[in-house]
Amino acid sequence: MSPTRIFSTLAFLFILFTIQESAISLIHFPIAGFSLYLAVAISLIAFEDHNGSLVVGFLAGIVLDLSPTSNAPFGQWALILTIVGYLFATNRESFADFTMSPVIFVFFVATGVTLALLMYLGFGSLVGEANGSINRDLVILLGNALWTIIFTPMYLPALRTVRKISLTSKER
């Protein structure tokens, strides 16, 4: 991943984070909330190659760690999204190219978001965070997966186009 793409990806993630914190998080979704930032970040991770997945995962995690509303230790989201990036990068060949089929891609993104939230709960309990009841956590996980499945097809074409524009000629 070129330095120019790193900076443009970081700027895009900061803009997306601002939209998430100032607009999306204020909407009260039925069942549970929706994290547009997490869904788009995992979509970007899925579009990248091996090294790009790790870099985008780390950058997305660092931006998410800067959230003033987060009570997690700094670096927890960076670790989680880097692990998700690693899992996407290493398992890409075993599932063929899932980025070409929109239906399969949506389910992979929903699975990635759910996995990231599960790891957040797991790492949070390791460092002594109070996560709430298991029933409430399951409702949040299922609700977020549902909203991710519903909203991912809406932003996927635009995200694919923005990513193609951001690629340098060498990366194409």
N, C-alpha and C. Protein backbone atom coordinates (compact mmCIF):
# COMPACT_ATOMS: atom_id res chain seq x y z
N MET A 1 0.85 -1.17 0.00
CA MET A 1 0.00 0.00 0.00
C MET A 1 0.90 1.23 0.00
N SER A 2 0.65 2.13 -0.92
CA SER A 2 1.49 3.32 -1.05
C SER A 2 1.20 4.33 0.06
N PRO A 3 2.16 5.18 0.37
CA PRO A 3 1.92 6.20 1.39
C PRO A 3 0.75 7.13 1.05
N THR A 4 0.57 7.41 -0.22
CA THR A 4 -0.55 8.26 -0.63
C THR A 4 -1.88 7.59 -0.30
N ARG A 5 -1.98 6.31 -0.57
CA ARG A 5 -3.21 5.59 -0.25
C ARG A 5 -3.42 5.46 1.24
N ILE A 6 -2.35 5.34 2.00
CA ILE A 6 -2.48 5.28 3.46
C ILE A 6 -3.10 6.58 3.97
N PHE A 7 -2.60 7.72 3.49
CA PHE A 7 -3.13 9.00 3.95
C PHE A 7 -4.56 9.23 3.46
N SER A 8 -4.85 8.83 2.22
CA SER A 8 -6.22 9.01 1.72
C SER A 8 -7.19 8.07 2.45
N THR A 9 -6.76 6.86 2.76
CA THR A 9 -7.60 5.94 3.53
C THR A 9 -7.83 6.46 4.94
N LEU A 10 -6.79 7.00 5.54
CA LEU A 10 -6.92 7.56 6.88
C LEU A 10 -7.86 8.76 6.88
N ALA A 11 -7.77 9.61 5.88
CA ALA A 11 -8.69 10.76 5.79
C ALA A 11 -10.12 10.29 5.59
N PHE A 12 -10.32 9.29 4.74
CA PHE A 12 -11.65 8.73 4.52
C PHE A 12 -12.21 8.14 5.82
N LEU A 13 -11.37 7.44 6.56
CA LEU A 13 -11.82 6.84 7.82
C LEU A 13 -12.18 7.91 8.85
N PHE A 14 -11.42 9.00 8.90
CA PHE A 14 -11.75 10.09 9.83
C PHE A 14 -13.08 10.75 9.46
N ILE A 15 -13.32 10.94 8.17
CA ILE A 15 -14.60 11.51 7.72
C ILE A 15 -15.74 10.57 8.07
N LEU A 16 -15.53 9.29 7.82
CA LEU A 16 -16.55 8.29 8.13
C LEU A 16 -16.81 8.22 9.64
N PHE A 17 -15.76 8.32 10.42
CA PHE A 17 -15.89 8.30 11.87
C PHE A 17 -16.69 9.52 12.36
N THR A 18 -16.44 10.66 11.75
CA THR A 18 -17.19 11.87 12.11
C THR A 18 -18.67 11.70 11.78
N ILE A 19 -18.97 11.13 10.64
CA ILE A 19 -20.37 10.87 10.26
C ILE A 19 -21.01 9.90 11.24
N GLN A 20 -20.27 8.86 11.62
CA GLN A 20 -20.79 7.86 12.56
C GLN A 20 -21.11 8.51 13.91
N GLU A 21 -20.17 9.28 14.42
CA GLU A 21 -20.33 9.85 15.76
C GLU A 21 -21.35 10.99 15.79
N SER A 22 -21.45 11.75 14.71
CA SER A 22 -22.33 12.92 14.74
C SER A 22 -23.73 12.65 14.20
N ALA A 23 -23.92 11.59 13.44
CA ALA A 23 -25.25 11.35 12.86
C ALA A 23 -25.77 9.95 13.12
N ILE A 24 -25.04 8.94 12.70
CA ILE A 24 -25.54 7.57 12.75
C ILE A 24 -25.77 7.10 14.19
N SER A 25 -24.86 7.46 15.09
CA SER A 25 -25.01 7.00 16.48
C SER A 25 -26.17 7.67 17.20
N LEU A 26 -26.70 8.75 16.64
CA LEU A 26 -27.84 9.43 17.25
C LEU A 26 -29.18 8.83 16.83
N ILE A 27 -29.17 7.98 15.81
CA ILE A 27 -30.40 7.33 15.35
C ILE A 27 -30.68 6.13 16.24
N HIS A 28 -31.89 6.03 16.73
CA HIS A 28 -32.27 4.89 17.57
C HIS A 28 -32.90 3.82 16.68
N PHE A 29 -32.09 2.82 16.33
CA PHE A 29 -32.56 1.72 15.50
C PHE A 29 -33.35 0.74 16.35
N PRO A 30 -34.40 0.15 15.78
CA PRO A 30 -35.07 -0.93 16.52
C PRO A 30 -34.11 -2.10 16.73
N ILE A 31 -34.31 -2.86 17.73
CA ILE A 31 -33.50 -4.01 18.15
C ILE A 31 -32.18 -3.55 18.75
N ALA A 32 -31.30 -2.97 17.97
CA ALA A 32 -30.00 -2.51 18.49
C ALA A 32 -29.45 -1.49 17.52
N GLY A 33 -28.29 -0.96 17.83
CA GLY A 33 -27.68 0.06 16.99
C GLY A 33 -26.98 -0.51 15.78
N PHE A 34 -26.45 0.40 14.97
CA PHE A 34 -25.74 0.04 13.75
C PHE A 34 -24.46 0.85 13.69
N SER A 35 -23.38 0.22 13.35
CA SER A 35 -22.10 0.91 13.22
C SER A 35 -21.72 0.96 11.75
N LEU A 36 -22.03 2.08 11.12
CA LEU A 36 -21.64 2.28 9.73
C LEU A 36 -20.12 2.26 9.60
N TYR A 37 -19.44 2.85 10.56
CA TYR A 37 -17.99 2.90 10.52
C TYR A 37 -17.39 1.49 10.50
N LEU A 38 -17.87 0.65 11.38
CA LEU A 38 -17.33 -0.71 11.45
C LEU A 38 -17.65 -1.50 10.19
N ALA A 39 -18.85 -1.33 9.65
CA ALA A 39 -19.24 -2.05 8.43
C ALA A 39 -18.40 -1.59 7.23
N VAL A 40 -18.20 -0.29 7.08
CA VAL A 40 -17.40 0.20 5.96
C VAL A 40 -15.93 -0.16 6.15
N ALA A 41 -15.43 -0.08 7.37
CA ALA A 41 -14.04 -0.45 7.62
C ALA A 41 -13.78 -1.91 7.28
N ILE A 42 -14.69 -2.78 7.64
CA ILE A 42 -14.51 -4.19 7.33
C ILE A 42 -14.70 -4.44 5.83
N SER A 43 -15.55 -3.66 5.19
CA SER A 43 -15.67 -3.76 3.73
C SER A 43 -14.36 -3.35 3.06
N LEU A 44 -13.74 -2.28 3.54
CA LEU A 44 -12.45 -1.87 2.99
C LEU A 44 -11.38 -2.92 3.23
N ILE A 45 -11.40 -3.53 4.41
CA ILE A 45 -10.46 -4.61 4.71
C ILE A 45 -10.64 -5.76 3.72
N ALA A 46 -11.89 -6.08 3.42
CA ALA A 46 -12.17 -7.20 2.52
C ALA A 46 -11.72 -6.92 1.09
N PHE A 47 -11.74 -5.65 0.67
CA PHE A 47 -11.33 -5.30 -0.69
C PHE A 47 -9.83 -5.35 -0.90
N GLU A 48 -9.06 -5.25 0.16
CA GLU A 48 -7.61 -5.12 0.05
C GLU A 48 -6.92 -6.47 -0.12
N ASP A 49 -5.64 -6.40 -0.53
CA ASP A 49 -4.83 -7.60 -0.62
C ASP A 49 -4.30 -7.94 0.77
N HIS A 50 -3.34 -8.86 0.85
CA HIS A 50 -2.84 -9.33 2.15
C HIS A 50 -2.34 -8.19 3.03
N ASN A 51 -1.36 -7.46 2.54
CA ASN A 51 -0.77 -6.39 3.36
C ASN A 51 -1.74 -5.24 3.55
N GLY A 52 -2.51 -4.93 2.52
CA GLY A 52 -3.47 -3.84 2.61
C GLY A 52 -4.54 -4.11 3.65
N SER A 53 -4.95 -5.37 3.80
CA SER A 53 -5.96 -5.72 4.81
C SER A 53 -5.45 -5.42 6.21
N LEU A 54 -4.20 -5.75 6.46
CA LEU A 54 -3.62 -5.49 7.78
C LEU A 54 -3.47 -4.00 8.04
N VAL A 55 -3.02 -3.27 7.02
CA VAL A 55 -2.82 -1.82 7.18
C VAL A 55 -4.15 -1.11 7.40
N VAL A 56 -5.15 -1.44 6.58
CA VAL A 56 -6.46 -0.80 6.72
C VAL A 56 -7.09 -1.18 8.06
N GLY A 57 -6.95 -2.43 8.47
CA GLY A 57 -7.48 -2.85 9.77
C GLY A 57 -6.84 -2.08 10.91
N PHE A 58 -5.53 -1.92 10.86
CA PHE A 58 -4.84 -1.18 11.90
C PHE A 58 -5.25 0.29 11.91
N LEU A 59 -5.30 0.92 10.72
CA LEU A 59 -5.69 2.33 10.64
C LEU A 59 -7.12 2.54 11.13
N ALA A 60 -8.02 1.65 10.72
CA ALA A 60 -9.42 1.77 11.15
C ALA A 60 -9.53 1.59 12.66
N GLY A 61 -8.74 0.70 13.21
CA GLY A 61 -8.75 0.49 14.65
C GLY A 61 -8.21 1.67 15.43
N ILE A 62 -7.15 2.29 14.92
CA ILE A 62 -6.58 3.46 15.58
C ILE A 62 -7.59 4.60 15.59
N VAL A 63 -8.27 4.81 14.46
CA VAL A 63 -9.28 5.87 14.40
C VAL A 63 -10.41 5.58 15.39
N LEU A 64 -10.82 4.33 15.47
CA LEU A 64 -11.89 3.96 16.40
C LEU A 64 -11.43 4.07 17.86
N ASP A 65 -10.15 3.87 18.10
CA ASP A 65 -9.62 4.04 19.46
C ASP A 65 -9.64 5.50 19.90
N LEU A 66 -9.68 6.42 18.97
CA LEU A 66 -9.69 7.85 19.30
C LEU A 66 -11.07 8.35 19.70
N SER A 67 -12.07 7.47 19.69
CA SER A 67 -13.43 7.87 20.04
C SER A 67 -13.50 8.36 21.48
N PRO A 68 -14.07 9.55 21.69
CA PRO A 68 -14.19 10.04 23.07
C PRO A 68 -15.23 9.28 23.87
N THR A 69 -16.14 8.58 23.21
CA THR A 69 -17.18 7.83 23.92
C THR A 69 -16.74 6.42 24.30
N SER A 70 -15.59 5.99 23.79
CA SER A 70 -15.11 4.64 24.08
C SER A 70 -14.44 4.60 25.45
N ASN A 71 -14.78 3.59 26.21
CA ASN A 71 -14.13 3.43 27.50
C ASN A 71 -13.13 2.27 27.48
N ALA A 72 -12.81 1.79 26.29
CA ALA A 72 -11.86 0.69 26.13
C ALA A 72 -10.43 1.23 26.20
N PRO A 73 -9.48 0.39 26.57
CA PRO A 73 -8.09 0.82 26.56
C PRO A 73 -7.64 1.16 25.14
N PHE A 74 -6.77 2.15 25.04
CA PHE A 74 -6.29 2.57 23.72
C PHE A 74 -5.53 1.42 23.07
N GLY A 75 -5.86 1.12 21.84
CA GLY A 75 -5.21 0.05 21.10
C GLY A 75 -6.05 -1.21 21.00
N GLN A 76 -7.12 -1.29 21.75
CA GLN A 76 -7.96 -2.50 21.72
C GLN A 76 -8.61 -2.66 20.35
N TRP A 77 -9.19 -1.57 19.82
CA TRP A 77 -9.82 -1.67 18.50
C TRP A 77 -8.78 -1.89 17.40
N ALA A 78 -7.60 -1.30 17.55
CA ALA A 78 -6.54 -1.52 16.56
C ALA A 78 -6.15 -2.99 16.52
N LEU A 79 -6.03 -3.60 17.68
CA LEU A 79 -5.72 -5.03 17.74
C LEU A 79 -6.83 -5.87 17.12
N ILE A 80 -8.07 -5.55 17.46
CA ILE A 80 -9.20 -6.33 16.97
C ILE A 80 -9.32 -6.24 15.45
N LEU A 81 -9.26 -5.03 14.91
CA LEU A 81 -9.43 -4.88 13.46
C LEU A 81 -8.21 -5.36 12.69
N THR A 82 -7.04 -5.36 13.30
CA THR A 82 -5.87 -5.96 12.65
C THR A 82 -6.04 -7.48 12.60
N ILE A 83 -6.57 -8.07 13.64
CA ILE A 83 -6.84 -9.52 13.64
C ILE A 83 -7.89 -9.85 12.58
N VAL A 84 -8.95 -9.05 12.49
CA VAL A 84 -9.97 -9.28 11.46
C VAL A 84 -9.35 -9.14 10.07
N GLY A 85 -8.49 -8.14 9.89
CA GLY A 85 -7.80 -7.99 8.61
C GLY A 85 -6.94 -9.20 8.28
N TYR A 86 -6.27 -9.73 9.29
CA TYR A 86 -5.46 -10.94 9.10
C TYR A 86 -6.34 -12.13 8.71
N LEU A 87 -7.47 -12.28 9.39
CA LEU A 87 -8.36 -13.39 9.08
C LEU A 87 -8.92 -13.28 7.66
N PHE A 88 -9.28 -12.07 7.23
CA PHE A 88 -9.76 -11.88 5.87
C PHE A 88 -8.65 -12.17 4.87
N ALA A 89 -7.43 -11.69 5.16
CA ALA A 89 -6.33 -11.87 4.22
C ALA A 89 -5.93 -13.33 4.07
N THR A 90 -5.90 -14.07 5.17
CA THR A 90 -5.45 -15.46 5.08
C THR A 90 -6.52 -16.40 4.54
N ASN A 91 -7.79 -16.05 4.71
CA ASN A 91 -8.85 -16.95 4.27
C ASN A 91 -9.47 -16.54 2.93
N ARG A 92 -8.94 -15.53 2.30
CA ARG A 92 -9.49 -15.07 1.03
C ARG A 92 -9.43 -16.15 -0.05
N GLU A 93 -8.31 -16.86 -0.14
CA GLU A 93 -8.16 -17.86 -1.19
C GLU A 93 -9.07 -19.07 -0.97
N SER A 94 -9.34 -19.40 0.27
CA SER A 94 -10.17 -20.58 0.54
C SER A 94 -11.64 -20.35 0.19
N PHE A 95 -12.06 -19.09 0.13
CA PHE A 95 -13.44 -18.78 -0.24
C PHE A 95 -13.55 -18.21 -1.64
N ALA A 96 -12.51 -18.30 -2.42
CA ALA A 96 -12.43 -17.69 -3.74
C ALA A 96 -12.46 -16.17 -3.57
N ASP A 97 -12.88 -15.44 -4.58
CA ASP A 97 -12.92 -13.99 -4.46
C ASP A 97 -14.34 -13.57 -4.11
N PHE A 98 -14.61 -13.47 -2.81
CA PHE A 98 -15.96 -13.17 -2.35
C PHE A 98 -16.35 -11.71 -2.60
N THR A 99 -15.38 -10.88 -3.01
CA THR A 99 -15.73 -9.49 -3.29
C THR A 99 -16.46 -9.34 -4.62
N MET A 100 -16.47 -10.37 -5.43
CA MET A 100 -17.14 -10.29 -6.73
C MET A 100 -18.62 -10.63 -6.63
N SER A 101 -19.05 -11.34 -5.63
CA SER A 101 -20.45 -11.68 -5.43
C SER A 101 -21.02 -10.81 -4.31
N PRO A 102 -21.92 -9.89 -4.64
CA PRO A 102 -22.42 -8.97 -3.61
C PRO A 102 -23.14 -9.67 -2.45
N VAL A 103 -23.87 -10.73 -2.73
CA VAL A 103 -24.61 -11.41 -1.65
C VAL A 103 -23.65 -12.05 -0.67
N ILE A 104 -22.66 -12.76 -1.17
CA ILE A 104 -21.68 -13.39 -0.30
C ILE A 104 -20.86 -12.32 0.43
N PHE A 105 -20.54 -11.24 -0.28
CA PHE A 105 -19.77 -10.16 0.33
C PHE A 105 -20.51 -9.55 1.52
N VAL A 106 -21.82 -9.34 1.37
CA VAL A 106 -22.63 -8.77 2.46
C VAL A 106 -22.59 -9.67 3.68
N PHE A 107 -22.70 -10.97 3.48
CA PHE A 107 -22.66 -11.89 4.61
C PHE A 107 -21.26 -11.96 5.25
N PHE A 108 -20.21 -11.83 4.43
CA PHE A 108 -18.86 -11.78 5.00
C PHE A 108 -18.65 -10.52 5.83
N VAL A 109 -19.17 -9.39 5.35
CA VAL A 109 -19.06 -8.16 6.12
C VAL A 109 -19.83 -8.27 7.43
N ALA A 110 -21.04 -8.80 7.37
CA ALA A 110 -21.83 -8.99 8.59
C ALA A 110 -21.13 -9.94 9.55
N THR A 111 -20.52 -10.98 9.03
CA THR A 111 -19.77 -11.91 9.87
C THR A 111 -18.55 -11.21 10.48
N GLY A 112 -17.86 -10.41 9.68
CA GLY A 112 -16.70 -9.68 10.18
C GLY A 112 -17.06 -8.68 11.27
N VAL A 113 -18.18 -7.97 11.09
CA VAL A 113 -18.63 -7.02 12.11
C VAL A 113 -18.98 -7.76 13.40
N THR A 114 -19.71 -8.86 13.26
CA THR A 114 -20.09 -9.64 14.44
C THR A 114 -18.86 -10.21 15.14
N LEU A 115 -17.92 -10.70 14.36
CA LEU A 115 -16.67 -11.23 14.93
C LEU A 115 -15.90 -10.13 15.66
N ALA A 116 -15.83 -8.95 15.07
CA ALA A 116 -15.12 -7.83 15.71
C ALA A 116 -15.80 -7.46 17.04
N LEU A 117 -17.12 -7.43 17.04
CA LEU A 117 -17.83 -7.10 18.28
C LEU A 117 -17.67 -8.20 19.33
N LEU A 118 -17.65 -9.45 18.89
CA LEU A 118 -17.40 -10.55 19.83
C LEU A 118 -16.00 -10.47 20.43
N MET A 119 -15.02 -10.13 19.59
CA MET A 119 -13.66 -9.97 20.11
C MET A 119 -13.58 -8.79 21.06
N TYR A 120 -14.33 -7.73 20.77
CA TYR A 120 -14.37 -6.58 21.67
C TYR A 120 -14.91 -7.00 23.04
N LEU A 121 -15.97 -7.79 23.03
CA LEU A 121 -16.51 -8.29 24.30
C LEU A 121 -15.50 -9.19 25.01
N GLY A 122 -14.84 -10.06 24.25
CA GLY A 122 -13.86 -10.97 24.85
C GLY A 122 -12.67 -10.24 25.43
N PHE A 123 -12.08 -9.34 24.64
CA PHE A 123 -10.93 -8.58 25.14
C PHE A 123 -11.35 -7.65 26.27
N GLY A 124 -12.56 -7.12 26.18
CA GLY A 124 -13.06 -6.25 27.24
C GLY A 124 -13.19 -6.98 28.56
N SER A 125 -13.68 -8.21 28.50
CA SER A 125 -13.80 -8.98 29.74
C SER A 125 -12.43 -9.38 30.28
N LEU A 126 -11.43 -9.54 29.39
CA LEU A 126 -10.08 -9.84 29.86
C LEU A 126 -9.44 -8.69 30.61
N VAL A 127 -9.78 -7.46 30.22
CA VAL A 127 -9.19 -6.30 30.90
C VAL A 127 -10.10 -5.75 31.99
N GLY A 128 -11.21 -6.43 32.26
CA GLY A 128 -12.05 -6.07 33.40
C GLY A 128 -13.16 -5.09 33.11
N GLU A 129 -13.56 -4.92 31.84
CA GLU A 129 -14.68 -4.03 31.53
C GLU A 129 -15.99 -4.71 31.88
N ALA A 130 -16.96 -3.91 32.28
CA ALA A 130 -18.31 -4.41 32.52
C ALA A 130 -19.06 -4.37 31.20
N ASN A 131 -19.40 -5.52 30.67
CA ASN A 131 -20.02 -5.59 29.35
C ASN A 131 -21.54 -5.68 29.39
N GLY A 132 -22.12 -5.90 30.51
CA GLY A 132 -23.57 -6.05 30.57
C GLY A 132 -23.97 -7.51 30.57
N SER A 133 -25.26 -7.74 30.44
CA SER A 133 -25.75 -9.11 30.49
C SER A 133 -25.54 -9.81 29.16
N ILE A 134 -25.52 -11.12 29.21
CA ILE A 134 -25.33 -11.91 28.00
C ILE A 134 -26.50 -11.72 27.04
N ASN A 135 -27.72 -11.65 27.57
CA ASN A 135 -28.89 -11.46 26.72
C ASN A 135 -28.81 -10.13 25.97
N ARG A 136 -28.44 -9.07 26.66
CA ARG A 136 -28.34 -7.75 26.01
C ARG A 136 -27.22 -7.74 24.98
N ASP A 137 -26.11 -8.39 25.29
CA ASP A 137 -25.01 -8.46 24.33
C ASP A 137 -25.41 -9.23 23.08
N LEU A 138 -26.17 -10.33 23.24
CA LEU A 138 -26.64 -11.09 22.08
C LEU A 138 -27.60 -10.28 21.22
N VAL A 139 -28.47 -9.51 21.87
CA VAL A 139 -29.40 -8.65 21.12
C VAL A 139 -28.62 -7.61 20.31
N ILE A 140 -27.60 -7.03 20.91
CA ILE A 140 -26.78 -6.04 20.21
C ILE A 140 -26.04 -6.68 19.04
N LEU A 141 -25.48 -7.86 19.26
CA LEU A 141 -24.76 -8.56 18.18
C LEU A 141 -25.69 -8.91 17.02
N LEU A 142 -26.84 -9.48 17.34
CA LEU A 142 -27.78 -9.87 16.28
C LEU A 142 -28.38 -8.65 15.58
N GLY A 143 -28.69 -7.62 16.35
CA GLY A 143 -29.24 -6.40 15.75
C GLY A 143 -28.24 -5.72 14.84
N ASN A 144 -26.99 -5.65 15.27
CA ASN A 144 -25.96 -5.04 14.44
C ASN A 144 -25.73 -5.86 13.17
N ALA A 145 -25.74 -7.18 13.28
CA ALA A 145 -25.60 -8.03 12.10
C ALA A 145 -26.77 -7.82 11.14
N LEU A 146 -27.97 -7.72 11.67
CA LEU A 146 -29.15 -7.49 10.83
C LEU A 146 -29.05 -6.17 10.08
N TRP A 147 -28.71 -5.08 10.80
CA TRP A 147 -28.61 -3.78 10.15
C TRP A 147 -27.44 -3.73 9.17
N THR A 148 -26.39 -4.46 9.45
CA THR A 148 -25.27 -4.53 8.51
C THR A 148 -25.70 -5.22 7.22
N ILE A 149 -26.47 -6.31 7.34
CA ILE A 149 -26.97 -7.00 6.15
C ILE A 149 -27.91 -6.11 5.35
N ILE A 150 -28.70 -5.31 6.03
CA ILE A 150 -29.65 -4.44 5.34
C ILE A 150 -28.95 -3.26 4.66
N PHE A 151 -27.99 -2.61 5.35
CA PHE A 151 -27.39 -1.39 4.82
C PHE A 151 -26.17 -1.58 3.93
N THR A 152 -25.49 -2.70 4.01
CA THR A 152 -24.28 -2.90 3.20
C THR A 152 -24.55 -2.83 1.70
N PRO A 153 -25.62 -3.42 1.18
CA PRO A 153 -25.86 -3.29 -0.26
C PRO A 153 -26.09 -1.85 -0.73
N MET A 154 -26.46 -0.98 0.20
CA MET A 154 -26.72 0.42 -0.18
C MET A 154 -25.42 1.20 -0.40
N TYR A 155 -24.40 0.96 0.39
CA TYR A 155 -23.16 1.72 0.23
C TYR A 155 -22.09 0.98 -0.55
N LEU A 156 -22.30 -0.30 -0.83
CA LEU A 156 -21.28 -1.11 -1.49
C LEU A 156 -20.88 -0.59 -2.87
N PRO A 157 -21.82 -0.24 -3.77
CA PRO A 157 -21.38 0.26 -5.09
C PRO A 157 -20.55 1.55 -4.99
N ALA A 158 -20.95 2.46 -4.11
CA ALA A 158 -20.20 3.71 -3.96
C ALA A 158 -18.81 3.44 -3.38
N LEU A 159 -18.73 2.54 -2.41
CA LEU A 159 -17.44 2.21 -1.80
C LEU A 159 -16.52 1.56 -2.82
N ARG A 160 -17.05 0.70 -3.64
CA ARG A 160 -16.24 0.04 -4.67
C ARG A 160 -15.70 1.07 -5.67
N THR A 161 -16.54 2.03 -6.05
CA THR A 161 -16.11 3.07 -6.98
C THR A 161 -15.05 3.97 -6.36
N VAL A 162 -15.24 4.38 -5.11
CA VAL A 162 -14.27 5.22 -4.43
C VAL A 162 -12.94 4.50 -4.30
N ARG A 163 -12.98 3.23 -4.01
CA ARG A 163 -11.74 2.47 -3.88
C ARG A 163 -11.02 2.36 -5.22
N LYS A 164 -11.76 2.13 -6.31
CA LYS A 164 -11.12 2.06 -7.63
C LYS A 164 -10.46 3.37 -8.00
N ILE A 165 -11.09 4.48 -7.64
CA ILE A 165 -10.52 5.79 -7.94
C ILE A 165 -9.26 6.03 -7.13
N SER A 166 -9.23 5.53 -5.90
CA SER A 166 -8.09 5.78 -5.02
C SER A 166 -6.86 4.93 -5.36
N LEU A 167 -7.03 3.88 -6.16
CA LEU A 167 -5.90 3.04 -6.51
C LEU A 167 -4.95 3.77 -7.44
N THR A 168 -3.67 3.59 -7.20
CA THR A 168 -2.69 4.15 -8.12
C THR A 168 -2.58 3.22 -9.34
N SER A 169 -1.94 3.70 -10.39
CA SER A 169 -1.84 2.88 -11.60
C SER A 169 -1.04 1.61 -11.33
N LYS A 170 -0.06 1.67 -10.45
CA LYS A 170 0.72 0.48 -10.10
C LYS A 170 -0.12 -0.54 -9.36
N GLU A 171 -1.06 -0.09 -8.51
CA GLU A 171 -1.90 -1.00 -7.74
C GLU A 171 -3.01 -1.61 -8.57
N ARG A 172 -3.38 -0.97 -9.65
CA ARG A 172 -4.44 -1.53 -10.51
C ARG A 172 -3.92 -2.73 -11.25
